[in-house]
Structures are given as C-alpha cells and as structure tokens.
Amino acid sequence: MAKVYFSTGSNQGDRLGALVEAAKLIDNLIGKILALSPVVESEPWGFKAEMNFYNQVLLVETDLAPKQIILKILEIEKKMGRKRTGVLYGSRIIDIDILLYENISVKEDDLVIPHPRLHLRRFVLQPLAFLSPGLIHPLLNKTISELLNISEDTSQVRNIVGQDEFYNLVETISPN
C-alpha cells in the first residue's frame, strides 16, 4: 500500500460541500483517507476571481498506481461537474491534485509527481505542514516545514474548518 498526499480545492458553488464530496469519493474510489488537514481559504493563485478558494490536503493509503489514480481523479472531477477547458488557472467546482506519492518521482506528459508547483503555493504548504511537517520533498530534499518557511508566496491562508468538524461533515470517514 502506498501513501499519497492530495490537494483538493474549490472556488465555485458550495465550496465546503465540494471538498466534503471529493473526500468521500476519494475514500471510496482511490483509497482510505488516513488524515486530512483543516480546510483553509486563500485567494486564487495565478489568476483573479470573485470567490476565494477553499483548500485541503488529504493523506490516503492506496493500492493504485499513479496512472490509475489520475484516471480516478478525472472521473471524480467529471462526476462533480468540472469541465476542463484547457485553461491552466481558472475558477472550478473542484480541483484534485496528487502532491506526493511515496518518495517517487514521475515525469510524463499527463502526470508529474511531486506536483511541480507544490513548493510555491502557501495554500498547499500550510495544510501539508499541518499534517506532515517533517515530510521531505523527494526532489528538493527539504522538509515541508522548511519549504513553508522559505516560501516567497505571501498570500494569506486562513483556517476555515477544523479537522474534527470536517470529519463530522463527511460522516463516512473516520480518523485513525
């Protein structure tokens, strides 16, 4: 079984509801959620939008390979109503990214692990550091806490929903 970190985000519609639904679908289709961060709110990264994003990081245990996971992610996003337009940055009902898959590195046209912008984004680093501050980025050889401390991203990231409250919203997922 592999341990995989995911980032989920939404800035359209019921943002919190989208993260709850994504967590349930990840737990059902990809693997058991072992831990999740608080839900954070941040401004859009790389573009302007009317609504801020709600984001969360999840640690999942799975027997799926990275290629199988990306197909499941696309299935979940489509099921939740995401329409891919080819635009890199834009508003969306749901966005699910693989941040890390064990200590492996994958570089293919449709899949890059670790996520290539993980270390640049406070809205990912902060919740990831909450879950696993000592986790070492396999390519940068720095802990997640170190990456957060040296991040040049000055955007504000604030906690919206704590872990226990989120577990209560999801109901079907229980902490370890």
Protein backbone atom coordinates (compact mmCIF):
# COMPACT_ATOMS: atom_id res chain seq x y z
CA MET A 1 0.00 0.00 0.00
CA ALA A 2 1.27 3.45 -0.93
CA LYS A 3 0.76 6.69 0.95
CA VAL A 4 -0.32 9.56 -1.28
CA TYR A 5 -0.93 13.23 -0.47
CA PHE A 6 -3.69 15.00 -2.38
CA SER A 7 -4.76 18.63 -2.52
CA THR A 8 -8.41 19.47 -3.11
CA GLY A 9 -9.74 22.93 -3.89
CA SER A 10 -12.94 24.70 -4.90
CA ASN A 11 -13.97 28.30 -5.56
CA GLN A 12 -17.40 27.82 -7.13
CA GLY A 13 -20.76 26.99 -5.60
CA ASP A 14 -20.80 25.27 -2.22
CA ARG A 15 -17.04 25.19 -1.73
CA LEU A 16 -17.11 23.27 1.55
CA GLY A 17 -19.69 20.84 0.18
CA ALA A 18 -17.42 20.20 -2.81
CA LEU A 19 -14.49 19.33 -0.55
CA VAL A 20 -16.71 17.01 1.51
CA GLU A 21 -17.94 15.25 -1.65
CA ALA A 22 -14.40 14.99 -3.04
CA ALA A 23 -13.15 13.44 0.22
CA LYS A 24 -15.95 10.87 0.17
CA LEU A 25 -15.27 9.97 -3.48
CA ILE A 26 -11.50 9.75 -2.91
CA ASP A 27 -12.13 7.47 0.08
CA ASN A 28 -14.48 5.29 -1.98
CA LEU A 29 -12.63 5.19 -5.31
CA ILE A 30 -8.93 5.71 -4.57
CA GLY A 31 -8.12 4.59 -1.04
CA LYS A 32 -8.63 5.03 2.67
CA ILE A 33 -8.16 8.55 4.00
CA LEU A 34 -5.69 8.31 6.87
CA ALA A 35 -5.62 12.01 7.75
CA LEU A 36 -6.81 15.35 6.48
CA SER A 37 -5.85 18.94 7.18
CA PRO A 38 -8.12 21.74 8.26
CA VAL A 39 -9.88 23.45 5.37
CA VAL A 40 -8.15 26.72 4.50
CA GLU A 41 -9.27 29.73 2.49
CA SER A 42 -6.96 31.58 0.13
CA GLU A 43 -7.07 33.95 -2.79
CA PRO A 44 -6.83 32.42 -6.26
CA TRP A 45 -3.24 31.67 -7.26
CA GLY A 46 -2.18 32.78 -10.73
CA PHE A 47 -5.45 34.50 -11.70
CA LYS A 48 -8.22 36.80 -10.43
CA ALA A 49 -11.66 35.53 -9.41
CA GLU A 50 -14.67 36.70 -7.46
CA MET A 51 -14.54 33.83 -4.94
CA ASN A 52 -11.61 32.70 -2.84
CA PHE A 53 -10.65 29.03 -2.79
CA TYR A 54 -11.26 26.53 -0.04
CA ASN A 55 -8.40 24.01 0.00
CA GLN A 56 -7.47 20.90 1.93
CA VAL A 57 -4.73 18.27 1.96
CA LEU A 58 -5.54 14.59 2.41
CA LEU A 59 -3.26 11.65 3.19
CA VAL A 60 -4.57 8.49 1.53
CA GLU A 61 -3.43 4.87 1.60
CA THR A 62 -3.99 3.15 -1.74
CA ASP A 63 -3.03 0.12 -3.76
CA LEU A 64 -3.44 2.08 -7.01
CA ALA A 65 -0.52 3.12 -9.19
CA PRO A 66 -0.11 6.83 -10.07
CA LYS A 67 -1.57 6.36 -13.58
CA GLN A 68 -4.63 4.63 -12.13
CA ILE A 69 -5.05 7.44 -9.59
CA ILE A 70 -5.00 10.19 -12.21
CA LEU A 71 -7.77 8.40 -14.11
CA LYS A 72 -9.83 8.16 -10.90
CA ILE A 73 -9.23 11.87 -10.21
CA LEU A 74 -10.52 12.79 -13.67
CA GLU A 75 -13.56 10.56 -13.09
CA ILE A 76 -14.28 12.23 -9.72
CA GLU A 77 -13.85 15.75 -11.11
CA LYS A 78 -16.16 14.98 -14.03
CA LYS A 79 -18.76 13.39 -11.71
CA MET A 80 -18.69 16.56 -9.60
CA GLY A 81 -19.29 18.78 -12.64
CA ARG A 82 -15.84 20.05 -13.53
CA LYS A 83 -15.49 20.94 -17.16
CA ARG A 84 -11.90 21.03 -18.36
CA THR A 85 -11.37 23.95 -20.73
CA GLY A 86 -7.62 23.69 -21.25
CA VAL A 87 -7.04 26.87 -19.21
CA LEU A 88 -4.30 26.27 -16.63
CA TYR A 89 -5.64 28.65 -13.97
CA GLY A 90 -9.33 29.35 -13.52
CA SER A 91 -12.34 29.02 -11.28
CA ARG A 92 -13.58 25.48 -10.72
CA ILE A 93 -16.08 23.50 -8.72
CA ILE A 94 -13.32 21.03 -7.78
CA ASP A 95 -9.64 20.55 -8.39
CA ILE A 96 -7.80 17.47 -7.17
CA ASP A 97 -4.01 17.21 -7.43
CA ILE A 98 -1.58 14.48 -6.49
CA LEU A 99 1.07 16.24 -4.40
CA LEU A 100 3.29 13.31 -3.43
CA TYR A 101 3.22 9.56 -3.98
CA GLU A 102 5.56 7.91 -1.50
CA ASN A 103 9.08 9.12 -2.43
CA ILE A 104 8.76 8.52 -6.14
CA SER A 105 9.21 10.95 -8.97
CA VAL A 106 7.14 10.71 -12.16
CA LYS A 107 7.54 12.98 -15.16
CA GLU A 108 5.21 12.24 -18.04
CA ASP A 109 3.09 14.41 -20.35
CA ASP A 110 -0.08 13.90 -18.31
CA LEU A 111 1.39 13.29 -14.84
CA VAL A 112 4.14 14.93 -12.78
CA ILE A 113 4.88 13.83 -9.21
CA PRO A 114 5.79 15.54 -6.94
CA HIS A 115 3.40 18.29 -8.00
CA PRO A 116 5.66 20.77 -9.84
CA ARG A 117 4.30 23.86 -8.00
CA LEU A 118 3.80 22.32 -4.55
CA HIS A 119 6.72 24.25 -3.05
CA LEU A 120 5.48 27.57 -4.47
CA ARG A 121 1.98 27.57 -3.02
CA ARG A 122 1.28 28.56 0.59
CA PHE A 123 -2.29 27.21 0.29
CA VAL A 124 -0.76 23.75 -0.23
CA LEU A 125 2.29 24.03 2.02
CA GLN A 126 0.42 25.25 5.09
CA PRO A 127 -2.11 22.39 5.30
CA LEU A 128 0.55 19.86 4.22
CA ALA A 129 2.84 21.11 7.00
CA PHE A 130 -0.06 20.71 9.43
CA LEU A 131 -0.27 17.01 8.53
CA SER A 132 3.39 16.16 7.97
CA PRO A 133 5.81 18.96 8.88
CA GLY A 134 8.86 16.67 8.74
CA LEU A 135 7.98 15.06 5.41
CA ILE A 136 10.87 15.51 2.98
CA HIS A 137 10.21 16.68 -0.57
CA PRO A 138 11.89 13.94 -2.66
CA LEU A 139 13.42 16.32 -5.22
CA LEU A 140 14.17 19.41 -3.12
CA ASN A 141 15.48 17.49 -0.07
CA LYS A 142 13.81 19.92 2.33
CA THR A 143 11.05 19.27 4.83
CA ILE A 144 7.60 20.66 4.17
CA SER A 145 8.07 22.99 7.17
CA GLU A 146 11.32 24.29 5.68
CA LEU A 147 9.62 24.87 2.32
CA LEU A 148 6.80 26.74 4.05
CA ASN A 149 9.29 28.89 5.99
CA ILE A 150 11.23 29.88 2.86
CA SER A 151 8.18 30.25 0.60
CA GLU A 152 8.02 33.51 -1.33
CA ASP A 153 4.22 33.20 -1.56
CA THR A 154 2.92 35.99 0.67
CA SER A 155 -0.78 35.24 0.17
CA GLN A 156 -2.98 34.96 3.23
CA VAL A 157 -4.15 31.45 4.12
CA ARG A 158 -6.58 31.10 6.99
CA ASN A 159 -8.24 28.10 8.59
CA ILE A 160 -11.98 27.85 7.91
CA VAL A 161 -12.98 24.39 9.18
CA GLY A 162 -11.01 22.24 11.63
CA GLN A 163 -10.32 18.54 11.19
CA ASP A 164 -12.89 17.29 13.72
CA GLU A 165 -15.63 19.45 12.24
CA PHE A 166 -14.76 18.23 8.74
CA TYR A 167 -14.84 14.57 9.85
CA ASN A 168 -18.35 15.25 11.21
CA LEU A 169 -19.41 16.72 7.84
CA VAL A 170 -18.09 13.73 5.93
CA GLU A 171 -19.61 11.19 8.36
CA THR A 172 -18.46 8.11 6.43
CA ILE A 173 -14.76 8.81 7.02
CA SER A 174 -13.39 8.46 10.50
CA PRO A 175 -9.95 9.47 11.76
CA ASN A 176 -7.44 6.71 12.59
